[in-house]
Amino acid sequence: MIAPLERARRLARRSRAVAPPNPWVGAVIERDGVVVGVGRTAHPGGPHAEVAALAAAGALARGAQMSVTLEPCAHHGRTPPCVDAIIEAGVARVEVGLIDPDPRVRGRGIQALQAAGVEVRLAPRAMRARLADDLAPYLSHRLRGRPFVVGKIACSLDGAVADRWGQSKWITQEAARELGHRLRAEVDAIIVGRGTFERDRPQLTARPGGRLARRQPVRVVASRRPLDVPEGFVVASESPGALLAAGAARGWVEVLVEGGPTLLGAYLAEGLVDELLVAIAPILLGDEHARHAVDLGEGRLLEDAIRGAWRAHRRVGEDLVAWVRLPAATALEDAYWGLESQVLGAIGCR
């Protein structure tokens, strides 16, 4: 049997591609052990998960329990506060996943529910950790003022992303490339360097299943010099940090840096990459002049290495795909747990 909050988590993930810059949230309402209403975040301006679940439950929400992946909002935005709808519906208990780090919330949703006599309890730590992982892009936007950054690498066993002539089509097989297209459909922007753009002329569109996704990322070419690009592309001359800050102001919560080696190296050198998605093909180029995945400059020693942690890995078709979490993501997690402890201590909720 699936626990209510796990069910809500799975619902939330289905809204990942439509909700940003809002958080993707899921809500489940149970009465006497029976699910009577579910909801997930709609597009910006549409119903929030809690309101959708209440609408589905109708009168059965009175006296029931709601499990929601993120603290309900208590402020007026494009929609009224969710806490008002929960209180008006007569929900008796609310299980909350994460504290909302948005400065307009940060415990105010829980306080409003408690003040109205609604029993509030926090999800177990293990579940909160899974939810924090799911919502890392949103947490990054609200806590750091920049998008969550994923660096994508497709390489040979010896780390080559292209041969000495720049040919890279294709190192990995179709199944791994399909995974990349699904990721493109979730992010808000894709960034490539001038060299990659001029050499490959990539489309940078999200085409999961071979079809254009309804929601397409902003296509950015990083270049300090003027550059002619097709319609639909943006040329950015800012530094990596400045570009991410500008993107956050536009509502970007997650970006994909697809390369090449110099651009990815620049983002890594500034500590701006949170996670790497690495697709490794079972091939060897064996050429010292082949182009390798990352360029961090000459003279680096082993003690200068950027060390990450394996997050997950699996075989995808003939290739091995690994997700590697880098120190920036660990710092983000620490920032969230610190905020959560501070907020819960202030409002007296555990």
Protein backbone atom coordinates (compact mmCIF):
# COMPACT_ATOMS: atom_id res chain seq x y z
CA MET A 1 0.00 0.00 0.00
CA ILE A 2 1.36 3.42 -0.97
CA ALA A 3 1.59 5.93 1.88
CA PRO A 4 -0.41 9.13 1.26
CA LEU A 5 2.62 11.40 1.10
CA GLU A 6 4.43 9.06 -1.29
CA ARG A 7 1.35 9.12 -3.49
CA ALA A 8 1.39 12.93 -3.29
CA ARG A 9 5.10 12.92 -4.19
CA ARG A 10 4.43 10.88 -7.32
CA LEU A 11 1.63 13.24 -8.29
CA ALA A 12 3.93 16.23 -7.81
CA ARG A 13 6.53 14.80 -10.18
CA ARG A 14 3.93 14.73 -12.94
CA SER A 15 3.72 18.53 -12.68
CA ARG A 16 7.48 19.04 -12.97
CA ALA A 17 7.33 20.28 -16.56
CA VAL A 18 4.29 22.57 -16.19
CA ALA A 19 4.53 24.20 -12.76
CA PRO A 20 7.74 26.33 -12.84
CA PRO A 21 8.54 28.86 -11.66
CA ASN A 22 6.05 27.67 -9.05
CA PRO A 23 6.91 24.54 -7.06
CA TRP A 24 5.52 21.22 -8.28
CA VAL A 25 3.36 19.97 -5.43
CA GLY A 26 1.10 16.99 -4.85
CA ALA A 27 -1.73 16.61 -2.33
CA VAL A 28 -3.78 13.61 -1.20
CA ILE A 29 -6.87 13.71 1.05
CA GLU A 30 -7.78 10.60 3.03
CA ARG A 31 -10.85 9.87 5.11
CA ASP A 32 -10.97 6.72 7.24
CA GLY A 33 -8.06 5.29 5.28
CA VAL A 34 -9.70 5.87 1.89
CA VAL A 35 -8.38 8.38 -0.64
CA VAL A 36 -11.18 10.84 -1.42
CA GLY A 37 -9.28 13.50 -3.34
CA VAL A 38 -5.96 14.07 -5.07
CA GLY A 39 -4.43 17.08 -6.79
CA ARG A 40 -1.23 18.42 -8.28
CA THR A 41 0.02 21.84 -9.29
CA ALA A 42 -1.31 23.19 -12.57
CA HIS A 43 0.40 25.74 -14.80
CA PRO A 44 1.18 29.16 -13.24
CA GLY A 45 -2.10 30.88 -12.46
CA GLY A 46 -3.94 27.55 -12.32
CA PRO A 47 -5.09 25.69 -9.20
CA HIS A 48 -2.53 24.65 -6.63
CA ALA A 49 -2.38 21.01 -5.58
CA GLU A 50 -4.29 21.54 -2.33
CA VAL A 51 -7.17 23.34 -4.04
CA ALA A 52 -7.38 20.68 -6.74
CA ALA A 53 -7.49 17.92 -4.11
CA LEU A 54 -10.19 19.75 -2.13
CA ALA A 55 -12.28 20.17 -5.26
CA ALA A 56 -12.01 16.43 -5.93
CA ALA A 57 -12.92 15.53 -2.34
CA GLY A 58 -15.85 17.92 -2.01
CA ALA A 59 -17.75 17.56 1.26
CA LEU A 60 -15.68 14.48 2.18
CA ALA A 61 -12.74 16.78 3.00
CA ARG A 62 -14.40 17.85 6.26
CA GLY A 63 -12.72 16.02 9.13
CA ALA A 64 -10.25 14.33 6.76
CA GLN A 65 -6.44 14.37 6.57
CA MET A 66 -4.47 16.07 3.81
CA SER A 67 -0.92 15.03 2.95
CA VAL A 68 0.90 17.67 0.92
CA THR A 69 4.50 17.67 -0.30
CA LEU A 70 5.15 21.37 0.45
CA GLU A 71 3.86 23.70 3.13
CA PRO A 72 0.60 25.32 1.91
CA CYS A 73 0.96 28.96 0.91
CA ALA A 74 -0.46 31.69 3.12
CA HIS A 75 -0.11 34.67 0.79
CA HIS A 76 -1.99 36.13 -2.16
CA GLY A 77 -0.28 35.60 -5.50
CA ARG A 78 -1.99 34.73 -8.76
CA THR A 79 -4.29 32.58 -6.62
CA PRO A 80 -5.68 32.98 -3.07
CA PRO A 81 -3.87 31.37 -0.11
CA CYS A 82 -4.23 27.59 0.01
CA VAL A 83 -4.47 27.65 3.81
CA ASP A 84 -7.76 29.56 3.55
CA ALA A 85 -9.24 26.86 1.32
CA ILE A 86 -8.02 24.08 3.64
CA ILE A 87 -9.48 25.76 6.72
CA GLU A 88 -12.78 26.55 5.00
CA ALA A 89 -13.11 22.93 3.83
CA GLY A 90 -12.83 21.71 7.42
CA VAL A 91 -9.75 19.52 6.98
CA ALA A 92 -8.81 18.21 10.43
CA ARG A 93 -5.15 17.22 9.97
CA VAL A 94 -2.40 18.18 7.54
CA GLU A 95 0.81 16.25 6.99
CA VAL A 96 3.43 18.60 5.53
CA GLY A 97 6.45 17.50 3.56
CA LEU A 98 8.83 20.44 3.26
CA ILE A 99 8.83 23.93 4.69
CA ASP A 100 8.35 26.37 1.82
CA PRO A 101 11.57 28.44 1.63
CA ASP A 102 9.80 31.28 -0.19
CA PRO A 103 10.24 34.33 2.09
CA ARG A 104 6.48 34.95 1.86
CA VAL A 105 5.77 31.57 3.47
CA ARG A 106 8.51 30.03 5.68
CA GLY A 107 6.22 28.64 8.37
CA ARG A 108 3.35 31.08 7.96
CA GLY A 109 1.24 28.42 6.28
CA ILE A 110 1.69 26.04 9.21
CA GLN A 111 1.03 28.82 11.71
CA ALA A 112 -2.21 29.79 9.98
CA LEU A 113 -3.44 26.20 10.02
CA GLN A 114 -2.56 25.72 13.68
CA ALA A 115 -4.24 29.00 14.62
CA ALA A 116 -7.43 27.70 13.00
CA GLY A 117 -7.30 24.47 15.03
CA VAL A 118 -5.94 22.24 12.27
CA GLU A 119 -3.52 19.59 13.53
CA VAL A 120 -0.22 19.82 11.64
CA ARG A 121 2.60 17.31 11.63
CA LEU A 122 5.80 17.11 9.65
CA ALA A 123 6.68 14.11 7.48
CA PRO A 124 9.47 11.77 8.64
CA ARG A 125 13.01 12.96 7.89
CA ALA A 126 13.62 10.26 5.24
CA MET A 127 10.58 11.39 3.26
CA ARG A 128 11.57 15.04 3.63
CA ALA A 129 14.99 14.20 2.21
CA ARG A 130 13.40 12.60 -0.87
CA LEU A 131 11.13 15.59 -1.32
CA ALA A 132 14.07 17.99 -0.97
CA ASP A 133 15.82 16.07 -3.73
CA ASP A 134 12.73 16.28 -5.96
CA LEU A 135 12.33 20.00 -5.32
CA ALA A 136 16.03 20.92 -5.45
CA PRO A 137 15.55 23.33 -8.41
CA TYR A 138 12.81 25.21 -6.56
CA LEU A 139 14.86 25.28 -3.35
CA SER A 140 17.83 26.63 -5.30
CA HIS A 141 15.77 29.42 -6.83
CA ARG A 142 14.32 30.51 -3.49
CA LEU A 143 17.37 30.01 -1.27
CA ARG A 144 20.25 30.96 -3.58
CA GLY A 145 18.61 33.21 -6.14
CA ARG A 146 19.87 31.06 -8.99
CA PRO A 147 18.68 28.01 -10.90
CA PHE A 148 19.79 24.48 -10.13
CA VAL A 149 22.49 23.63 -12.70
CA VAL A 150 22.92 20.24 -14.34
CA GLY A 151 25.97 19.63 -16.51
CA LYS A 152 25.47 17.02 -19.22
CA ILE A 153 28.31 14.88 -20.58
CA ALA A 154 28.22 12.13 -23.21
CA CYS A 155 31.63 10.50 -23.47
CA SER A 156 33.67 7.42 -24.27
CA LEU A 157 35.24 5.17 -21.65
CA ASP A 158 38.38 7.30 -21.84
CA GLY A 159 36.48 10.56 -21.36
CA ALA A 160 36.35 11.80 -24.95
CA VAL A 161 33.31 13.81 -26.02
CA ALA A 162 34.47 14.14 -29.64
CA ASP A 163 37.33 13.03 -31.84
CA ARG A 164 40.20 15.35 -32.73
CA TRP A 165 38.14 16.78 -35.62
CA GLY A 166 35.20 17.61 -33.36
CA GLN A 167 32.95 14.77 -34.52
CA SER A 168 30.63 13.69 -31.70
CA LYS A 169 27.59 12.23 -33.48
CA TRP A 170 27.00 9.89 -31.99
CA ILE A 171 29.05 8.66 -29.05
CA THR A 172 26.07 7.37 -27.08
CA GLN A 173 23.14 5.38 -28.38
CA GLU A 174 19.56 6.49 -28.95
CA ALA A 175 18.25 5.35 -25.54
CA ALA A 176 20.70 7.58 -23.66
CA ARG A 177 19.95 10.49 -25.98
CA GLU A 178 16.24 10.00 -25.28
CA LEU A 179 16.99 10.45 -21.58
CA GLY A 180 18.65 13.74 -22.44
CA HIS A 181 15.58 14.90 -24.34
CA ARG A 182 13.35 14.11 -21.36
CA LEU A 183 15.64 16.23 -19.19
CA ARG A 184 15.50 19.06 -21.72
CA ALA A 185 11.71 18.99 -21.46
CA GLU A 186 11.96 19.71 -17.73
CA VAL A 187 14.58 22.47 -17.62
CA ASP A 188 13.97 26.16 -18.25
CA ALA A 189 17.08 26.84 -20.32
CA ILE A 190 19.86 25.02 -22.16
CA ILE A 191 23.26 26.70 -22.37
CA VAL A 192 26.00 25.88 -24.87
CA GLY A 193 29.22 27.65 -25.73
CA ARG A 194 30.04 29.50 -28.91
CA GLY A 195 32.36 26.75 -30.13
CA THR A 196 29.75 24.02 -29.73
CA PHE A 197 27.16 26.17 -31.46
CA GLU A 198 29.34 27.04 -34.45
CA ARG A 199 30.66 23.51 -34.88
CA ASP A 200 27.49 21.46 -34.33
CA ARG A 201 24.66 23.93 -35.00
CA PRO A 202 22.52 22.06 -32.46
CA GLN A 203 18.74 22.51 -32.38
CA LEU A 204 18.68 22.33 -28.56
CA THR A 205 14.99 21.47 -28.62
CA ALA A 206 13.31 18.97 -26.30
CA ARG A 207 12.08 16.05 -28.41
CA PRO A 208 11.16 13.18 -26.08
CA GLY A 209 9.85 10.28 -28.10
CA GLY A 210 10.89 12.09 -31.26
CA ARG A 211 8.21 14.76 -30.83
CA LEU A 212 8.61 18.39 -29.85
CA ALA A 213 7.62 18.84 -26.21
CA ARG A 214 4.86 21.36 -25.55
CA ARG A 215 7.14 23.30 -23.23
CA GLN A 216 10.52 24.18 -24.73
CA PRO A 217 13.56 25.53 -22.85
CA VAL A 218 15.16 28.86 -23.65
CA ARG A 219 18.13 28.15 -25.94
CA VAL A 220 21.19 30.13 -24.88
CA VAL A 221 24.56 30.48 -26.59
CA ALA A 222 27.24 31.87 -24.28
CA SER A 223 29.52 34.18 -26.25
CA ARG A 224 31.42 37.30 -25.26
CA ARG A 225 31.53 38.36 -28.92
CA PRO A 226 28.54 39.19 -31.17
CA LEU A 227 27.10 36.12 -32.86
CA ASP A 228 24.39 35.58 -35.45
CA VAL A 229 21.94 32.96 -34.25
CA PRO A 230 18.65 31.66 -35.66
CA GLU A 231 15.32 32.86 -34.34
CA GLY A 232 14.56 31.31 -30.98
CA PHE A 233 18.15 31.45 -29.70
CA VAL A 234 19.53 33.96 -27.19
CA VAL A 235 23.15 35.12 -27.08
CA ALA A 236 24.42 35.76 -23.55
CA SER A 237 27.66 37.63 -22.91
CA GLU A 238 27.41 37.63 -19.11
CA SER A 239 29.63 35.63 -16.79
CA PRO A 240 28.16 32.29 -15.64
CA GLY A 241 27.04 33.70 -12.29
CA ALA A 242 25.48 36.80 -13.82
CA LEU A 243 23.64 34.74 -16.44
CA LEU A 244 22.18 32.45 -13.77
CA ALA A 245 21.07 35.42 -11.66
CA ALA A 246 19.41 37.01 -14.68
CA GLY A 247 17.74 33.70 -15.51
CA ALA A 248 16.42 33.35 -11.97
CA ALA A 249 14.85 36.80 -12.30
CA ARG A 250 13.07 35.50 -15.40
CA GLY A 251 11.77 32.48 -13.49
CA TRP A 252 14.35 29.86 -14.41
CA VAL A 253 14.61 27.23 -11.68
CA GLU A 254 16.76 24.69 -13.52
CA VAL A 255 19.20 24.94 -16.42
CA LEU A 256 21.15 22.40 -18.42
CA VAL A 257 24.73 23.16 -19.43
CA GLU A 258 25.42 20.97 -22.46
CA GLY A 259 28.93 22.15 -23.21
CA GLY A 260 31.41 22.14 -24.63
CA PRO A 261 34.37 21.44 -22.37
CA THR A 262 35.38 25.09 -21.95
CA LEU A 263 31.91 26.29 -20.98
CA LEU A 264 31.25 23.40 -18.61
CA GLY A 265 34.70 23.95 -17.12
CA ALA A 266 33.88 27.61 -16.49
CA TYR A 267 30.70 26.72 -14.60
CA LEU A 268 32.50 24.01 -12.63
CA ALA A 269 35.39 26.31 -11.77
CA GLU A 270 32.96 28.81 -10.22
CA GLY A 271 31.23 26.08 -8.18
CA LEU A 272 27.95 26.60 -10.02
CA VAL A 273 27.24 23.04 -11.20
CA ASP A 274 25.05 21.09 -8.80
CA GLU A 275 24.83 17.80 -10.60
CA LEU A 276 26.37 16.00 -13.56
CA LEU A 277 24.45 13.69 -15.86
CA VAL A 278 27.13 11.51 -17.46
CA ALA A 279 26.35 9.05 -20.25
CA ILE A 280 29.30 6.73 -20.88
CA ALA A 281 29.50 4.68 -24.06
CA PRO A 282 31.46 1.38 -24.07
CA ILE A 283 33.93 2.68 -26.66
CA LEU A 284 37.55 3.84 -26.58
CA LEU A 285 39.02 6.56 -28.78
CA GLY A 286 42.54 6.32 -27.39
CA ASP A 287 43.64 9.62 -28.96
CA GLU A 288 45.40 12.18 -26.79
CA HIS A 289 44.17 14.89 -29.15
CA ALA A 290 40.51 13.94 -28.81
CA ARG A 291 38.27 16.52 -27.13
CA HIS A 292 37.60 15.64 -23.52
CA ALA A 293 34.59 16.33 -21.34
CA VAL A 294 35.83 19.22 -19.21
CA ASP A 295 38.55 21.83 -19.54
CA LEU A 296 39.54 23.31 -16.18
CA GLY A 297 42.90 24.59 -17.37
CA GLU A 298 46.42 23.22 -17.21
CA GLY A 299 48.54 22.38 -14.20
CA ARG A 300 45.79 20.99 -11.96
CA LEU A 301 46.91 18.40 -9.42
CA LEU A 302 44.98 15.51 -7.95
CA GLU A 303 44.31 17.51 -4.80
CA ASP A 304 42.64 20.14 -6.99
CA ALA A 305 40.04 17.65 -8.22
CA ILE A 306 36.36 18.49 -7.85
CA ARG A 307 34.96 15.58 -5.89
CA GLY A 308 31.36 14.48 -6.19
CA ALA A 309 29.19 11.66 -4.90
CA TRP A 310 27.37 9.00 -6.87
CA ARG A 311 23.67 9.72 -6.69
CA ALA A 312 22.42 6.98 -9.01
CA HIS A 313 23.49 4.99 -12.01
CA ARG A 314 21.91 2.55 -14.41
CA ARG A 315 22.38 0.95 -17.77
CA VAL A 316 20.40 2.66 -20.52
CA GLY A 317 20.51 0.64 -23.70
CA GLU A 318 24.20 -0.02 -24.39
CA ASP A 319 25.39 2.95 -22.32
CA LEU A 320 25.92 3.57 -18.63
CA VAL A 321 24.25 6.69 -17.25
CA ALA A 322 25.33 8.14 -13.91
CA TRP A 323 24.10 11.06 -11.85
CA VAL A 324 26.84 12.71 -9.79
CA ARG A 325 26.05 15.20 -7.04
CA LEU A 326 28.63 17.96 -6.62
CA PRO A 327 29.49 20.13 -3.58
CA ALA A 328 27.15 22.94 -4.66
CA ALA A 329 24.16 20.61 -4.29
CA THR A 330 25.33 19.47 -0.87
CA ALA A 331 25.58 23.11 0.20
CA LEU A 332 22.03 23.67 -1.02
CA GLU A 333 20.77 20.74 1.04
CA ASP A 334 22.55 22.09 4.11
CA ALA A 335 20.99 25.51 3.53
CA TYR A 336 17.52 24.00 3.40
CA TRP A 337 17.96 21.92 6.57
CA GLY A 338 19.30 24.97 8.35
CA LEU A 339 16.29 27.03 7.31
CA GLU A 340 13.89 24.24 8.25
CA SER A 341 15.38 23.97 11.74
CA GLN A 342 15.18 27.72 12.21
CA VAL A 343 11.55 27.94 11.04
CA LEU A 344 10.34 24.94 13.02
CA GLY A 345 12.03 26.24 16.14
CA ALA A 346 10.38 29.63 15.72
CA ILE A 347 6.86 28.27 15.22
CA GLY A 348 7.12 25.36 17.65
CA CYS A 349 6.33 22.59 15.18
CA ARG A 350 8.10 19.24 15.03
